[in-house]
């Protein structure tokens, strides 16, 4: 998980799916990337900003650092 990645809530976590469904978000920042699971600041498509751990989201598309 890194800044710029496109994510959605992990669909196996029922209470999160009830809240977020299949909405998409962008990782704005990874807090303390050396900790596992890493904690990311996510901005969702509705504009809400939330902190979630990497094991709570699925990466839909990784940012290409070579662009």
Protein backbone atom coordinates (compact mmCIF):
# COMPACT_ATOMS: atom_id res chain seq x y z
CA UNK A 1 0.00 0.00 0.00
CA UNK A 2 1.38 3.39 -1.00
CA UNK A 3 0.18 6.92 -1.67
CA UNK A 4 -1.80 7.10 -4.90
CA UNK A 5 -3.09 3.52 -4.86
CA UNK A 6 -6.78 3.08 -5.64
CA UNK A 7 -8.51 0.93 -3.01
CA UNK A 8 -11.86 -0.41 -1.91
CA UNK A 9 -12.93 -1.85 1.40
CA UNK A 10 -12.16 -5.55 1.84
CA UNK A 11 -15.42 -7.21 0.83
CA UNK A 12 -15.05 -10.00 3.41
CA UNK A 13 -15.46 -7.56 6.33
CA UNK A 14 -19.25 -7.36 6.51
CA UNK A 15 -19.57 -4.31 8.79
CA UNK A 16 -17.26 -2.29 6.52
CA UNK A 17 -19.15 -3.39 3.40
CA UNK A 18 -22.40 -2.27 5.05
CA UNK A 19 -20.85 1.19 5.50
CA UNK A 20 -18.78 1.61 2.31
CA UNK A 21 -20.14 -0.93 -0.16
CA UNK A 22 -17.98 -0.96 -3.29
CA UNK A 23 -16.96 2.71 -3.19
CA UNK A 24 -13.42 3.56 -4.22
CA UNK A 25 -10.79 5.55 -2.38
CA UNK A 26 -7.28 6.86 -2.90
CA UNK A 27 -4.43 6.39 -0.42
CA UNK A 28 -3.28 9.90 0.51
CA UNK A 29 -0.52 8.89 2.90
CA UNK A 30 0.89 5.82 4.61
CA UNK A 31 1.55 6.42 8.30
CA UNK A 32 4.52 4.54 9.75
CA UNK A 33 5.07 2.30 6.69
CA UNK A 34 7.46 0.06 8.66
CA UNK A 35 4.64 -1.20 10.90
CA UNK A 36 2.56 -4.17 9.80
CA UNK A 37 -0.16 -3.93 8.81
CA UNK A 38 0.52 -0.40 7.59
CA UNK A 39 -1.95 2.38 8.38
CA UNK A 40 -3.15 4.50 5.48
CA UNK A 41 -5.08 7.73 5.20
CA UNK A 42 -7.76 7.20 2.56
CA UNK A 43 -9.97 9.72 0.81
CA UNK A 44 -13.17 8.04 -0.37
CA UNK A 45 -15.16 9.01 -3.46
CA UNK A 46 -17.68 10.85 -1.26
CA UNK A 47 -14.88 13.07 0.10
CA UNK A 48 -14.67 11.44 3.53
CA UNK A 49 -11.18 10.85 4.89
CA UNK A 50 -10.55 7.78 7.02
CA UNK A 51 -7.61 5.83 8.47
CA UNK A 52 -7.59 2.11 7.79
CA UNK A 53 -5.01 -0.66 7.98
CA UNK A 54 -3.76 -2.40 4.85
CA UNK A 55 -5.50 -5.63 5.85
CA UNK A 56 -8.86 -3.80 5.81
CA UNK A 57 -8.69 -2.73 2.16
CA UNK A 58 -8.06 -4.31 -1.23
CA UNK A 59 -5.87 -2.54 -3.76
CA UNK A 60 -7.81 -2.07 -7.00
CA UNK A 61 -4.98 -0.39 -8.87
CA UNK A 62 -1.43 0.40 -7.82
CA UNK A 63 0.12 3.71 -8.74
CA UNK A 64 2.87 3.38 -11.34
CA UNK A 65 5.92 5.13 -9.87
CA UNK A 66 7.67 5.13 -13.28
CA UNK A 67 5.18 7.54 -14.88
